[in-house]
Amino acid sequence: MNIWEKWLTPRNTFYLLIIVTLLISLQQYLLPETLFWDKLRPQYNNYLIFKYSFLHLLDGQDLYRLYPEQHGDYFKYSPTFALVMALFYYLPDWLGLTLWNLLNALALFAGITLLPSINDKKKSLLILFVLLELIGNLQNEQSNALVAGLILLSFGFLERKKIGLAALFIAFGFYLKIFGVLSILLVFFYPGKWKGLLIFSLWMLLLGMAPLLVISPGQLIEQYNGWYDILLVDHGTRYGFSVMGIIHKWIGADPSKSWVLAMGFLILISGMLKFSYYPNVTYRLLFLSSLLMWMILFNHTAESSGYILAMTGAGIWYFSRKPSVTRNVLMIAAFVIVSLFSTDIMPANIRNQYIYPLYIRTLPVLIIWVIAMFDLLRFNQPAEGAGG
């Protein structure tokens, strides 16, 4: 065993994530204020949006209007998420910001460590593969790493026959980011699926009504109406790093976003048609990887920070099966174009004039997803595990 392999353990990658998260949190807290929405604001503006959402919920204020005296930009999450931010609201910013980032990083770490049939070395490599995406998320206090972690945790608990916990994480994923609810598809691969769907429904109800602890039923209905309205505006006005963005930019067409989404969903669930292979863990991992990539590729508002889900999916696709020249090339291309091009290593003019405007960042993940779907449709491996 060489030094590299000896170092490459979950324990060491855990320590690495802790150190990286603490340093980034300290950096974001100490950096000078920057001009944002016509006002000087702390670098950790996104965290302030999350933090103050609890105060607005508690005071019965509209969560979905601007509060320029406290932060820039709109809150676009659920009332349930605003309630959860009570855990951070009363903390000093330096501590709350650090704990928020640690929650995101460690949720992703925990989800990856629970993946079945992938050895510790490959799990550590997967964490390193998505590290640049995670750093970008932490620098912007985003919640996408937490979403990815919740999906992986739900999968891991389903593998361990802990349906109640899996259903809880899936339901909470919905109230964090709506597309997270699609991980409910994973339940169908396991015995007791109807029990799982029932428990999921109960969690959805309980979490959805949880803000009643601090507001009235009428106020909660108004908040949900506001959430729906702001998401509707988002749906109608934006193109992100997605299939819709590529169609819009490369072909010059603007098909119905709902139609593209429906077509993409039909393709995704076609990967569930080989029922006889449900007991095969490799098949389940392959669908999980496809699902994670799909959530970004067919989310027309997909932002750069969301690619931590897509890259996690691409990493699972790669590390859960034997490598090949084609797979190696695709993974290197994905890492370079998706992750490396987002750093200062890439000249800003190339990134801002070509990579982002032409949605080139989407292409490697899209190609991997198409191959993953073909892998699902022609799956015929008798082996149960992904091996080492």
Protein backbone atom coordinates (compact mmCIF):
# COMPACT_ATOMS: atom_id res chain seq x y z
CA MET A 1 0.00 0.00 0.00
CA ASN A 2 1.51 3.35 -1.06
CA ILE A 3 1.27 6.58 0.93
CA TRP A 4 -1.59 7.87 -1.24
CA GLU A 5 -3.74 4.80 -0.63
CA LYS A 6 -2.91 4.86 3.07
CA TRP A 7 -4.06 8.48 3.31
CA LEU A 8 -7.21 7.88 1.26
CA THR A 9 -9.60 6.86 4.06
CA PRO A 10 -13.02 8.14 5.16
CA ARG A 11 -11.50 9.33 8.44
CA ASN A 12 -8.93 11.51 6.67
CA THR A 13 -11.45 12.89 4.20
CA PHE A 14 -13.71 13.67 7.17
CA TYR A 15 -10.92 15.70 8.79
CA LEU A 16 -10.23 17.38 5.46
CA LEU A 17 -13.86 18.45 5.11
CA ILE A 18 -13.90 19.82 8.66
CA ILE A 19 -10.75 21.88 8.06
CA VAL A 20 -11.94 23.17 4.67
CA THR A 21 -15.36 24.10 6.06
CA LEU A 22 -13.93 25.94 9.07
CA LEU A 23 -11.47 27.88 6.93
CA ILE A 24 -14.12 28.87 4.38
CA SER A 25 -16.56 29.93 7.10
CA LEU A 26 -13.88 32.05 8.77
CA GLN A 27 -12.94 33.58 5.42
CA GLN A 28 -16.53 34.48 4.55
CA TYR A 29 -17.11 35.99 7.98
CA LEU A 30 -13.94 38.12 7.93
CA LEU A 31 -14.04 39.32 4.33
CA PRO A 32 -15.04 42.97 3.94
CA GLU A 33 -18.57 43.83 2.94
CA THR A 34 -19.36 43.92 -0.75
CA LEU A 35 -21.86 45.91 -2.81
CA PHE A 36 -24.93 43.79 -3.45
CA TRP A 37 -28.37 45.06 -4.40
CA ASP A 38 -27.16 48.68 -4.11
CA LYS A 39 -25.93 48.29 -0.56
CA LEU A 40 -22.80 47.11 1.21
CA ARG A 41 -23.51 43.71 2.71
CA PRO A 42 -21.58 40.88 4.40
CA GLN A 43 -20.09 38.25 2.11
CA TYR A 44 -22.40 35.70 3.74
CA ASN A 45 -25.58 37.34 2.43
CA ASN A 46 -27.23 33.99 1.60
CA TYR A 47 -26.87 32.84 5.19
CA LEU A 48 -28.56 36.06 6.33
CA ILE A 49 -31.47 35.34 3.99
CA PHE A 50 -31.89 31.95 5.64
CA LYS A 51 -31.35 33.24 9.17
CA TYR A 52 -33.81 36.12 9.04
CA SER A 53 -36.50 33.97 7.44
CA PHE A 54 -37.22 32.60 10.92
CA LEU A 55 -37.70 36.11 12.32
CA HIS A 56 -40.10 36.99 9.50
CA LEU A 57 -42.02 33.76 10.06
CA LEU A 58 -42.18 34.37 13.80
CA ASP A 59 -43.44 37.93 13.27
CA GLY A 60 -46.07 36.82 10.76
CA GLN A 61 -44.40 38.76 7.94
CA ASP A 62 -44.44 37.74 4.32
CA LEU A 63 -41.42 35.49 3.82
CA TYR A 64 -41.31 36.19 0.11
CA ARG A 65 -40.85 39.93 -0.12
CA LEU A 66 -37.60 41.88 -0.01
CA TYR A 67 -36.05 42.94 3.30
CA PRO A 68 -33.20 45.17 2.04
CA GLU A 69 -32.38 46.41 5.52
CA GLN A 70 -31.34 42.86 6.48
CA HIS A 71 -30.16 41.19 3.28
CA GLY A 72 -30.25 41.28 -0.52
CA ASP A 73 -32.39 39.01 -2.71
CA TYR A 74 -35.51 36.97 -1.97
CA PHE A 75 -36.11 33.97 0.25
CA LYS A 76 -37.35 31.13 -1.98
CA TYR A 77 -37.63 28.23 0.43
CA SER A 78 -40.58 26.76 2.30
CA PRO A 79 -42.08 28.01 5.59
CA THR A 80 -40.86 24.75 7.13
CA PHE A 81 -37.30 25.63 6.18
CA ALA A 82 -37.75 29.05 7.78
CA LEU A 83 -38.84 27.32 11.00
CA VAL A 84 -35.76 25.09 10.97
CA MET A 85 -33.58 28.21 10.82
CA ALA A 86 -34.63 28.84 14.44
CA LEU A 87 -31.69 26.55 15.23
CA PHE A 88 -29.36 29.23 13.83
CA TYR A 89 -31.17 32.54 14.30
CA TYR A 90 -30.22 33.11 17.94
CA LEU A 91 -26.55 32.27 17.40
CA PRO A 92 -23.89 34.90 16.63
CA ASP A 93 -23.23 35.01 12.90
CA TRP A 94 -19.72 33.56 13.11
CA LEU A 95 -21.04 30.48 14.89
CA GLY A 96 -24.30 30.10 12.98
CA LEU A 97 -22.53 30.45 9.63
CA THR A 98 -19.95 27.84 10.62
CA LEU A 99 -22.56 25.36 11.87
CA TRP A 100 -24.69 25.88 8.74
CA ASN A 101 -21.72 25.11 6.48
CA LEU A 102 -20.74 22.12 8.63
CA LEU A 103 -24.29 20.76 8.37
CA ASN A 104 -24.08 20.91 4.58
CA ALA A 105 -20.62 19.39 4.31
CA LEU A 106 -21.19 16.62 6.83
CA ALA A 107 -24.61 15.67 5.44
CA LEU A 108 -22.95 15.04 2.09
CA PHE A 109 -20.09 13.16 3.74
CA ALA A 110 -22.50 10.98 5.75
CA GLY A 111 -24.58 10.22 2.67
CA ILE A 112 -21.53 9.13 0.68
CA THR A 113 -20.23 6.94 3.51
CA LEU A 114 -23.59 5.11 3.62
CA LEU A 115 -23.45 4.15 -0.06
CA PRO A 116 -23.47 0.36 -0.38
CA SER A 117 -21.07 -1.78 -2.38
CA ILE A 118 -18.50 1.00 -2.91
CA ASN A 119 -15.31 0.54 -0.94
CA ASP A 120 -13.80 3.16 1.36
CA LYS A 121 -11.09 4.18 -1.09
CA LYS A 122 -13.64 4.90 -3.82
CA LYS A 123 -15.88 6.76 -1.37
CA SER A 124 -12.93 8.97 -0.44
CA LEU A 125 -12.17 9.56 -4.12
CA LEU A 126 -15.82 10.47 -4.69
CA ILE A 127 -15.62 13.06 -1.90
CA LEU A 128 -12.47 14.53 -3.47
CA PHE A 129 -14.14 14.50 -6.89
CA VAL A 130 -16.94 16.78 -5.64
CA LEU A 131 -14.75 18.83 -3.30
CA LEU A 132 -14.46 21.86 -5.59
CA GLU A 133 -18.24 21.92 -6.03
CA LEU A 134 -18.64 21.69 -2.26
CA ILE A 135 -16.20 24.56 -1.72
CA GLY A 136 -18.22 26.73 -4.11
CA ASN A 137 -21.39 25.90 -2.20
CA LEU A 138 -19.80 26.69 1.15
CA GLN A 139 -18.43 29.99 -0.10
CA ASN A 140 -21.98 30.99 -1.02
CA GLU A 141 -23.67 29.37 2.00
CA GLN A 142 -25.86 27.35 -0.37
CA SER A 143 -28.05 24.40 0.64
CA ASN A 144 -27.39 22.12 -2.34
CA ALA A 145 -24.84 19.97 -0.52
CA LEU A 146 -27.47 19.39 2.18
CA VAL A 147 -30.01 18.39 -0.47
CA ALA A 148 -27.53 15.95 -2.00
CA GLY A 149 -26.74 14.60 1.46
CA LEU A 150 -30.41 14.06 2.29
CA ILE A 151 -30.96 12.12 -0.93
CA LEU A 152 -27.94 9.91 -0.31
CA LEU A 153 -28.95 9.40 3.31
CA SER A 154 -32.46 8.37 2.28
CA PHE A 155 -30.93 5.86 -0.14
CA GLY A 156 -28.53 4.59 2.52
CA PHE A 157 -31.32 4.08 5.06
CA LEU A 158 -33.51 2.36 2.49
CA GLU A 159 -30.61 -0.03 1.90
CA ARG A 160 -30.57 -0.68 5.64
CA LYS A 161 -34.38 -1.21 5.78
CA LYS A 162 -34.93 1.93 7.89
CA ILE A 163 -37.90 3.17 5.91
CA GLY A 164 -39.09 5.73 8.47
CA LEU A 165 -35.78 7.61 8.49
CA ALA A 166 -35.51 7.44 4.72
CA ALA A 167 -39.04 8.85 4.35
CA LEU A 168 -38.20 11.69 6.77
CA PHE A 169 -35.15 12.74 4.76
CA ILE A 170 -37.08 12.59 1.49
CA ALA A 171 -39.89 14.74 2.91
CA PHE A 172 -37.49 17.27 4.37
CA GLY A 173 -35.69 17.38 1.03
CA PHE A 174 -38.94 18.58 -0.54
CA TYR A 175 -39.30 21.44 1.93
CA LEU A 176 -35.69 22.39 1.29
CA LYS A 177 -35.72 22.18 -2.52
CA ILE A 178 -38.88 20.97 -4.26
CA PHE A 179 -37.08 18.71 -6.71
CA GLY A 180 -35.67 16.73 -3.77
CA VAL A 181 -39.05 15.01 -3.48
CA LEU A 182 -38.23 12.96 -6.59
CA SER A 183 -36.02 10.78 -4.42
CA ILE A 184 -39.33 9.13 -3.41
CA LEU A 185 -38.81 7.07 -6.58
CA LEU A 186 -36.08 5.20 -4.71
CA VAL A 187 -38.69 3.68 -2.39
CA PHE A 188 -40.06 1.57 -5.25
CA PHE A 189 -36.86 -0.49 -5.40
CA TYR A 190 -37.43 -2.00 -1.96
CA PRO A 191 -39.91 -4.28 -0.20
CA GLY A 192 -42.53 -2.44 1.85
CA LYS A 193 -42.85 0.36 -0.70
CA TRP A 194 -46.48 1.09 0.19
CA LYS A 195 -45.59 1.35 3.86
CA GLY A 196 -42.79 3.70 2.85
CA LEU A 197 -45.15 5.88 0.82
CA LEU A 198 -47.56 6.06 3.75
CA ILE A 199 -44.83 7.07 6.19
CA PHE A 200 -43.56 9.62 3.65
CA SER A 201 -47.07 11.11 3.38
CA LEU A 202 -47.27 11.42 7.16
CA TRP A 203 -43.89 13.13 7.33
CA MET A 204 -44.93 15.50 4.53
CA LEU A 205 -48.03 16.45 6.51
CA LEU A 206 -46.20 16.86 9.82
CA LEU A 207 -43.34 18.89 8.36
CA GLY A 208 -45.70 20.99 6.27
CA MET A 209 -47.75 21.88 9.33
CA ALA A 210 -44.75 22.37 11.65
CA PRO A 211 -44.76 26.20 11.26
CA LEU A 212 -48.11 26.15 13.11
CA LEU A 213 -45.92 26.03 16.22
CA VAL A 214 -45.31 29.76 15.74
CA ILE A 215 -48.02 31.08 13.36
CA SER A 216 -51.75 30.62 12.80
CA PRO A 217 -53.32 28.36 10.13
CA GLY A 218 -54.41 31.39 8.12
CA GLN A 219 -50.90 32.83 8.15
CA LEU A 220 -49.45 29.48 7.10
CA ILE A 221 -51.79 29.30 4.12
CA GLU A 222 -50.70 32.81 3.10
CA GLN A 223 -47.05 31.80 3.37
CA TYR A 224 -47.58 28.76 1.16
CA ASN A 225 -49.38 30.94 -1.38
CA GLY A 226 -46.40 33.28 -1.36
CA TRP A 227 -44.00 30.38 -1.83
CA TYR A 228 -46.02 29.13 -4.78
CA ASP A 229 -46.12 32.59 -6.37
CA ILE A 230 -42.37 33.21 -6.15
CA LEU A 231 -41.60 29.77 -7.57
CA LEU A 232 -44.05 30.43 -10.39
CA VAL A 233 -42.26 33.67 -11.27
CA ASP A 234 -38.95 31.81 -11.20
CA HIS A 235 -40.37 29.16 -13.52
CA GLY A 236 -41.45 31.65 -16.13
CA THR A 237 -38.40 33.88 -16.38
CA ARG A 238 -35.19 31.90 -16.11
CA TYR A 239 -32.92 29.52 -17.99
CA GLY A 240 -30.18 27.78 -16.06
CA PHE A 241 -27.41 25.27 -16.78
CA SER A 242 -29.95 22.74 -17.97
CA VAL A 243 -31.31 20.90 -20.97
CA MET A 244 -33.75 23.79 -21.47
CA GLY A 245 -30.85 26.23 -21.45
CA ILE A 246 -29.04 24.25 -24.14
CA ILE A 247 -32.16 24.02 -26.30
CA HIS A 248 -32.71 27.76 -25.92
CA LYS A 249 -29.12 28.78 -26.68
CA TRP A 250 -27.95 26.18 -29.18
CA ILE A 251 -31.12 25.51 -31.17
CA GLY A 252 -32.85 28.83 -30.66
CA ALA A 253 -36.07 27.09 -29.72
CA ASP A 254 -38.25 27.70 -26.67
CA PRO A 255 -40.41 24.64 -26.17
CA SER A 256 -42.71 24.48 -23.19
CA LYS A 257 -40.61 23.95 -20.07
CA SER A 258 -43.31 21.68 -18.71
CA TRP A 259 -43.20 19.59 -21.90
CA VAL A 260 -39.40 19.21 -21.73
CA LEU A 261 -39.68 18.32 -18.05
CA ALA A 262 -42.36 15.71 -18.75
CA MET A 263 -40.30 14.14 -21.56
CA GLY A 264 -37.25 14.04 -19.32
CA PHE A 265 -39.25 12.43 -16.52
CA LEU A 266 -40.57 9.72 -18.83
CA ILE A 267 -37.00 8.95 -19.89
CA LEU A 268 -35.91 8.83 -16.25
CA ILE A 269 -38.61 6.41 -15.10
CA SER A 270 -37.93 4.21 -18.12
CA GLY A 271 -34.82 3.31 -16.17
CA MET A 272 -37.06 1.65 -13.58
CA LEU A 273 -38.59 -0.86 -15.97
CA LYS A 274 -36.24 -3.78 -15.33
CA PHE A 275 -38.05 -4.98 -12.24
CA SER A 276 -36.13 -8.26 -12.06
CA TYR A 277 -32.92 -6.33 -11.38
CA TYR A 278 -34.26 -4.37 -8.42
CA PRO A 279 -32.45 -6.75 -6.01
CA ASN A 280 -29.14 -5.87 -7.74
CA VAL A 281 -27.37 -3.11 -5.80
CA THR A 282 -25.46 -1.99 -8.89
CA TYR A 283 -28.75 -1.36 -10.67
CA ARG A 284 -30.02 0.68 -7.72
CA LEU A 285 -26.82 2.72 -7.57
CA LEU A 286 -27.03 3.36 -11.30
CA PHE A 287 -30.57 4.70 -10.96
CA LEU A 288 -29.53 6.86 -7.99
CA SER A 289 -26.76 8.39 -10.08
CA SER A 290 -29.16 9.04 -12.97
CA LEU A 291 -31.68 10.63 -10.61
CA LEU A 292 -29.12 13.04 -9.12
CA MET A 293 -27.97 14.17 -12.56
CA TRP A 294 -31.56 14.44 -13.83
CA MET A 295 -32.53 16.78 -10.98
CA ILE A 296 -30.11 19.39 -12.31
CA LEU A 297 -30.26 18.73 -16.04
CA PHE A 298 -34.05 19.11 -16.15
CA ASN A 299 -34.29 21.90 -13.59
CA HIS A 300 -34.57 24.88 -15.92
CA THR A 301 -33.42 27.25 -13.17
CA ALA A 302 -30.34 25.14 -12.32
CA GLU A 303 -27.58 27.33 -10.98
CA SER A 304 -23.87 26.66 -10.87
CA SER A 305 -24.10 25.73 -7.18
CA GLY A 306 -26.59 22.98 -7.95
CA TYR A 307 -24.00 21.00 -9.85
CA ILE A 308 -22.81 19.39 -6.65
CA LEU A 309 -25.83 17.08 -7.06
CA ALA A 310 -25.03 16.35 -10.69
CA MET A 311 -21.34 15.74 -10.01
CA THR A 312 -22.18 13.48 -7.07
CA GLY A 313 -24.42 11.51 -9.43
CA ALA A 314 -21.67 11.35 -12.06
CA GLY A 315 -19.24 10.18 -9.38
CA ILE A 316 -21.56 7.38 -8.24
CA TRP A 317 -22.02 6.33 -11.88
CA TYR A 318 -18.23 6.05 -12.22
CA PHE A 319 -17.17 4.56 -8.89
CA SER A 320 -19.96 1.97 -8.62
CA ARG A 321 -18.71 0.08 -11.69
CA LYS A 322 -15.41 -0.94 -13.25
CA PRO A 323 -13.50 1.89 -14.98
CA SER A 324 -12.93 1.99 -18.73
CA VAL A 325 -11.19 4.35 -21.11
CA THR A 326 -14.49 5.99 -22.08
CA ARG A 327 -15.60 6.39 -18.49
CA ASN A 328 -12.21 7.80 -17.49
CA VAL A 329 -12.29 10.39 -20.28
CA LEU A 330 -15.83 11.46 -19.42
CA MET A 331 -15.01 11.87 -15.75
CA ILE A 332 -11.92 13.93 -16.48
CA ALA A 333 -13.92 16.09 -18.89
CA ALA A 334 -16.66 16.58 -16.30
CA PHE A 335 -14.16 17.54 -13.61
CA VAL A 336 -12.33 20.00 -15.87
CA ILE A 337 -15.35 21.63 -17.54
CA VAL A 338 -17.79 21.60 -14.62
CA SER A 339 -15.57 22.09 -11.59
CA LEU A 340 -12.15 23.35 -12.67
CA PHE A 341 -13.50 25.93 -15.13
CA SER A 342 -15.40 27.53 -12.25
CA THR A 343 -12.19 28.38 -10.41
CA ASP A 344 -9.62 31.12 -10.99
CA ILE A 345 -7.46 28.58 -12.83
CA MET A 346 -9.61 29.23 -15.89
CA PRO A 347 -9.26 32.74 -17.38
CA ALA A 348 -12.34 34.77 -16.53
CA ASN A 349 -12.93 35.85 -20.14
CA ILE A 350 -13.18 32.23 -21.33
CA ARG A 351 -15.45 31.30 -18.46
CA ASN A 352 -17.72 34.33 -18.82
CA GLN A 353 -17.80 34.49 -22.63
CA TYR A 354 -18.02 30.81 -23.54
CA ILE A 355 -18.42 28.29 -20.72
CA TYR A 356 -21.34 29.98 -18.96
CA PRO A 357 -23.20 31.81 -21.78
CA LEU A 358 -23.11 28.75 -24.07
CA TYR A 359 -24.10 26.38 -21.25
CA ILE A 360 -21.02 24.26 -22.01
CA ARG A 361 -20.89 23.42 -18.31
CA THR A 362 -24.00 21.29 -18.85
CA LEU A 363 -22.61 19.08 -21.63
CA PRO A 364 -20.35 16.59 -19.78
CA VAL A 365 -23.04 15.77 -17.23
CA LEU A 366 -25.67 15.49 -19.97
CA ILE A 367 -23.50 13.02 -21.90
CA ILE A 368 -22.85 10.96 -18.76
CA TRP A 369 -26.57 10.96 -17.93
CA VAL A 370 -27.50 9.72 -21.42
CA ILE A 371 -24.95 6.91 -21.09
CA ALA A 372 -26.22 6.09 -17.59
CA MET A 373 -29.76 5.81 -18.95
CA PHE A 374 -28.56 3.45 -21.70
CA ASP A 375 -26.75 1.46 -19.00
CA LEU A 376 -30.04 1.13 -17.11
CA LEU A 377 -32.08 0.17 -20.16
CA ARG A 378 -29.67 -2.57 -21.23
CA PHE A 379 -28.67 -3.67 -17.74
CA ASN A 380 -28.07 -7.44 -17.54
CA GLN A 381 -25.40 -7.91 -14.89
CA PRO A 382 -26.01 -10.93 -12.68
CA ALA A 383 -23.48 -9.74 -10.09
CA GLU A 384 -25.02 -8.32 -6.92
CA GLY A 385 -22.32 -5.87 -5.92
CA ALA A 386 -20.21 -3.16 -7.44
CA GLY A 387 -17.13 -4.70 -5.98
CA GLY A 388 -13.93 -2.99 -4.98
